[in-house]
Amino acid sequence: QVRVEESGGGLVQPGGSLRLSCAASGSFLGITVMGWYRQAPGKQRELVATISHGGTTNYAGSVKGRFTISRDNAENTVELEMNNLNPEDEAVYYCYVRGLRGQRDAPRPYENWGQGTQVTISS
């Protein structure tokens, strides 16, 4: 079983910054992709940013230049540094992990989501 836990959401003023953290734990062979998605009320869940095991990043156009994703492969953690936040960034942010688990000679893919952490932008 793979567990995913987020932390770091909260209330911030427009133009402010927040850092989200996520840790994966449990039984798995490795994590290939870690990332963040978000869902605002009445909208579909959307990609924010992902990062591969090798460090390749992918950002939504709306957050490029403002958000930075990073990961620690040894600790199985991923962080999202969010700067210059605006009201359109308000949403529940979900951590996402994808990788392999099971026996090394017969690995199986998995993907898991965290429970989500609320980010609220308000003056």
C-alpha atoms as a PDB file:
ATOM      1  CA  GLN A   1       0.000   0.000   0.000  1.00  0.00           C
ATOM      2  CA  VAL A   2       1.230   3.464  -0.865  1.00  0.00           C
ATOM      3  CA  ARG A   3       0.279   6.393   1.325  1.00  0.00           C
ATOM      4  CA  VAL A   4       0.418  10.004   0.180  1.00  0.00           C
ATOM      5  CA  GLU A   5       0.159  12.894   2.625  1.00  0.00           C
ATOM      6  CA  GLU A   6       0.143  16.598   1.854  1.00  0.00           C
ATOM      7  CA  SER A   7       0.758  19.561   4.100  1.00  0.00           C
ATOM      8  CA  GLY A   8       1.260  23.296   3.827  1.00  0.00           C
ATOM      9  CA  GLY A   9      -2.005  24.700   2.543  1.00  0.00           C
ATOM     10  CA  GLY A  10      -3.666  27.690   4.109  1.00  0.00           C
ATOM     11  CA  LEU A  11      -4.783  31.281   3.694  1.00  0.00           C
ATOM     12  CA  VAL A  12      -2.578  33.790   1.917  1.00  0.00           C
ATOM     13  CA  GLN A  13      -3.060  37.289   0.545  1.00  0.00           C
ATOM     14  CA  PRO A  14      -2.916  37.977  -3.190  1.00  0.00           C
ATOM     15  CA  GLY A  15       0.702  38.274  -4.215  1.00  0.00           C
ATOM     16  CA  GLY A  16       1.814  36.093  -1.336  1.00  0.00           C
ATOM     17  CA  SER A  17       3.609  32.754  -1.231  1.00  0.00           C
ATOM     18  CA  LEU A  18       2.971  29.273   0.083  1.00  0.00           C
ATOM     19  CA  ARG A  19       4.904  26.026   0.043  1.00  0.00           C
ATOM     20  CA  LEU A  20       3.144  22.678  -0.221  1.00  0.00           C
ATOM     21  CA  SER A  21       4.831  19.455   0.814  1.00  0.00           C
ATOM     22  CA  CYS A  22       3.970  15.838   0.120  1.00  0.00           C
ATOM     23  CA  ALA A  23       5.442  12.592   1.349  1.00  0.00           C
ATOM     24  CA  ALA A  24       4.905   9.108  -0.027  1.00  0.00           C
ATOM     25  CA  SER A  25       5.364   6.089   2.192  1.00  0.00           C
ATOM     26  CA  GLY A  26       4.583   2.410   2.283  1.00  0.00           C
ATOM     27  CA  SER A  27       5.627  -0.504   0.176  1.00  0.00           C
ATOM     28  CA  PHE A  28       6.774   0.239  -3.331  1.00  0.00           C
ATOM     29  CA  LEU A  29       9.751  -0.343  -5.608  1.00  0.00           C
ATOM     30  CA  GLY A  30      10.063   3.240  -6.721  1.00  0.00           C
ATOM     31  CA  ILE A  31       8.325   6.443  -7.740  1.00  0.00           C
ATOM     32  CA  THR A  32       8.602   7.590 -11.325  1.00  0.00           C
ATOM     33  CA  VAL A  33       6.461  10.706 -11.291  1.00  0.00           C
ATOM     34  CA  MET A  34       5.391  13.024  -8.479  1.00  0.00           C
ATOM     35  CA  GLY A  35       3.226  16.018  -8.980  1.00  0.00           C
ATOM     36  CA  TRP A  36       0.490  18.394  -7.991  1.00  0.00           C
ATOM     37  CA  TYR A  37      -2.988  18.860  -9.356  1.00  0.00           C
ATOM     38  CA  ARG A  38      -5.688  21.236  -8.196  1.00  0.00           C
ATOM     39  CA  GLN A  39      -9.429  21.495  -8.288  1.00  0.00           C
ATOM     40  CA  ALA A  40     -11.414  24.667  -7.805  1.00  0.00           C
ATOM     41  CA  PRO A  41     -15.149  24.608  -6.998  1.00  0.00           C
ATOM     42  CA  GLY A  42     -17.190  23.765 -10.065  1.00  0.00           C
ATOM     43  CA  LYS A  43     -14.121  22.951 -12.145  1.00  0.00           C
ATOM     44  CA  GLN A  44     -12.325  19.806 -13.186  1.00  0.00           C
ATOM     45  CA  ARG A  45      -9.101  18.711 -11.561  1.00  0.00           C
ATOM     46  CA  GLU A  46      -6.189  20.137 -13.517  1.00  0.00           C
ATOM     47  CA  LEU A  47      -2.463  19.635 -13.714  1.00  0.00           C
ATOM     48  CA  VAL A  48      -0.302  22.119 -11.854  1.00  0.00           C
ATOM     49  CA  ALA A  49       3.159  20.585 -12.138  1.00  0.00           C
ATOM     50  CA  THR A  50       4.910  17.227 -12.307  1.00  0.00           C
ATOM     51  CA  ILE A  51       8.485  16.097 -11.876  1.00  0.00           C
ATOM     52  CA  SER A  52      10.088  12.851 -12.975  1.00  0.00           C
ATOM     53  CA  HIS A  53      12.572  10.790 -11.008  1.00  0.00           C
ATOM     54  CA  GLY A  54      15.304  12.314 -13.123  1.00  0.00           C
ATOM     55  CA  GLY A  55      14.139  15.850 -12.443  1.00  0.00           C
ATOM     56  CA  THR A  56      12.286  16.675 -15.648  1.00  0.00           C
ATOM     57  CA  THR A  57       9.530  19.144 -14.848  1.00  0.00           C
ATOM     58  CA  ASN A  58       6.256  20.030 -16.504  1.00  0.00           C
ATOM     59  CA  TYR A  59       4.137  23.045 -15.569  1.00  0.00           C
ATOM     60  CA  ALA A  60       0.714  24.309 -16.459  1.00  0.00           C
ATOM     61  CA  GLY A  61       0.999  27.489 -18.458  1.00  0.00           C
ATOM     62  CA  SER A  62      -0.886  29.458 -15.833  1.00  0.00           C
ATOM     63  CA  VAL A  63       1.754  28.775 -13.147  1.00  0.00           C
ATOM     64  CA  LYS A  64       4.973  28.894 -15.170  1.00  0.00           C
ATOM     65  CA  GLY A  65       7.395  31.373 -13.694  1.00  0.00           C
ATOM     66  CA  ARG A  66       5.480  31.546 -10.410  1.00  0.00           C
ATOM     67  CA  PHE A  67       5.501  27.962  -9.120  1.00  0.00           C
ATOM     68  CA  THR A  68       8.492  25.663  -8.663  1.00  0.00           C
ATOM     69  CA  ILE A  69       8.286  21.921  -8.120  1.00  0.00           C
ATOM     70  CA  SER A  70      11.110  19.917  -6.558  1.00  0.00           C
ATOM     71  CA  ARG A  71      11.553  16.441  -5.152  1.00  0.00           C
ATOM     72  CA  ASP A  72      13.853  14.466  -2.902  1.00  0.00           C
ATOM     73  CA  ASN A  73      14.148  10.951  -4.262  1.00  0.00           C
ATOM     74  CA  ALA A  74      15.823   9.637  -1.115  1.00  0.00           C
ATOM     75  CA  GLU A  75      12.989  10.878   1.078  1.00  0.00           C
ATOM     76  CA  ASN A  76      10.166  10.268  -1.422  1.00  0.00           C
ATOM     77  CA  THR A  77       8.945  13.826  -1.019  1.00  0.00           C
ATOM     78  CA  VAL A  78       7.840  16.533  -3.396  1.00  0.00           C
ATOM     79  CA  GLU A  79       7.351  20.226  -2.758  1.00  0.00           C
ATOM     80  CA  LEU A  80       5.584  23.004  -4.599  1.00  0.00           C
ATOM     81  CA  GLU A  81       6.793  26.534  -4.003  1.00  0.00           C
ATOM     82  CA  MET A  82       4.048  28.953  -5.037  1.00  0.00           C
ATOM     83  CA  ASN A  83       4.793  32.653  -5.452  1.00  0.00           C
ATOM     84  CA  ASN A  84       2.769  35.654  -6.543  1.00  0.00           C
ATOM     85  CA  LEU A  85      -0.475  33.836  -5.816  1.00  0.00           C
ATOM     86  CA  ASN A  86      -3.689  35.221  -7.259  1.00  0.00           C
ATOM     87  CA  PRO A  87      -7.365  34.409  -6.722  1.00  0.00           C
ATOM     88  CA  GLU A  88      -7.334  32.030  -9.704  1.00  0.00           C
ATOM     89  CA  ASP A  89      -4.929  29.812  -7.781  1.00  0.00           C
ATOM     90  CA  GLU A  90      -7.462  29.152  -5.047  1.00  0.00           C
ATOM     91  CA  ALA A  91      -8.274  25.458  -5.022  1.00  0.00           C
ATOM     92  CA  VAL A  92      -7.767  22.163  -3.272  1.00  0.00           C
ATOM     93  CA  TYR A  93      -4.300  20.936  -4.200  1.00  0.00           C
ATOM     94  CA  TYR A  94      -3.702  17.212  -4.541  1.00  0.00           C
ATOM     95  CA  CYS A  95      -0.398  15.399  -4.483  1.00  0.00           C
ATOM     96  CA  TYR A  96       0.004  12.645  -7.069  1.00  0.00           C
ATOM     97  CA  VAL A  97       2.509   9.822  -7.228  1.00  0.00           C
ATOM     98  CA  ARG A  98       3.023   7.117  -9.815  1.00  0.00           C
ATOM     99  CA  GLY A  99       5.507   4.285  -9.776  1.00  0.00           C
ATOM    100  CA  LEU A 100       6.070   0.552  -9.459  1.00  0.00           C
ATOM    101  CA  ARG A 101       5.363  -1.847  -6.611  1.00  0.00           C
ATOM    102  CA  GLY A 102       5.358  -5.546  -5.939  1.00  0.00           C
ATOM    103  CA  GLN A 103       8.163  -7.994  -6.702  1.00  0.00           C
ATOM    104  CA  ARG A 104      11.186  -6.811  -8.637  1.00  0.00           C
ATOM    105  CA  ASP A 105      10.831  -9.635 -11.130  1.00  0.00           C
ATOM    106  CA  ALA A 106       7.147  -8.829 -11.632  1.00  0.00           C
ATOM    107  CA  PRO A 107       6.586  -5.123 -10.888  1.00  0.00           C
ATOM    108  CA  ARG A 108       3.141  -3.592 -11.099  1.00  0.00           C
ATOM    109  CA  PRO A 109       2.316   0.056 -11.770  1.00  0.00           C
ATOM    110  CA  TYR A 110       0.432   2.127  -9.234  1.00  0.00           C
ATOM    111  CA  GLU A 111      -0.782   5.651  -8.828  1.00  0.00           C
ATOM    112  CA  ASN A 112      -2.072   7.295  -5.688  1.00  0.00           C
ATOM    113  CA  TRP A 113      -3.506  10.617  -4.638  1.00  0.00           C
ATOM    114  CA  GLY A 114      -3.359  12.498  -1.393  1.00  0.00           C
ATOM    115  CA  GLN A 115      -6.449  13.752   0.397  1.00  0.00           C
ATOM    116  CA  GLY A 116      -5.882  17.314  -0.738  1.00  0.00           C
ATOM    117  CA  THR A 117      -4.950  20.544   0.983  1.00  0.00           C
ATOM    118  CA  GLN A 118      -6.890  23.790   0.670  1.00  0.00           C
ATOM    119  CA  VAL A 119      -5.208  26.926  -0.646  1.00  0.00           C
ATOM    120  CA  THR A 120      -7.255  30.075  -0.104  1.00  0.00           C
ATOM    121  CA  ILE A 121      -6.341  33.457  -1.566  1.00  0.00           C
ATOM    122  CA  SER A 122      -7.952  36.386   0.175  1.00  0.00           C
ATOM    123  CA  SER A 123      -7.106  39.849   1.371  1.00  0.00           C
END
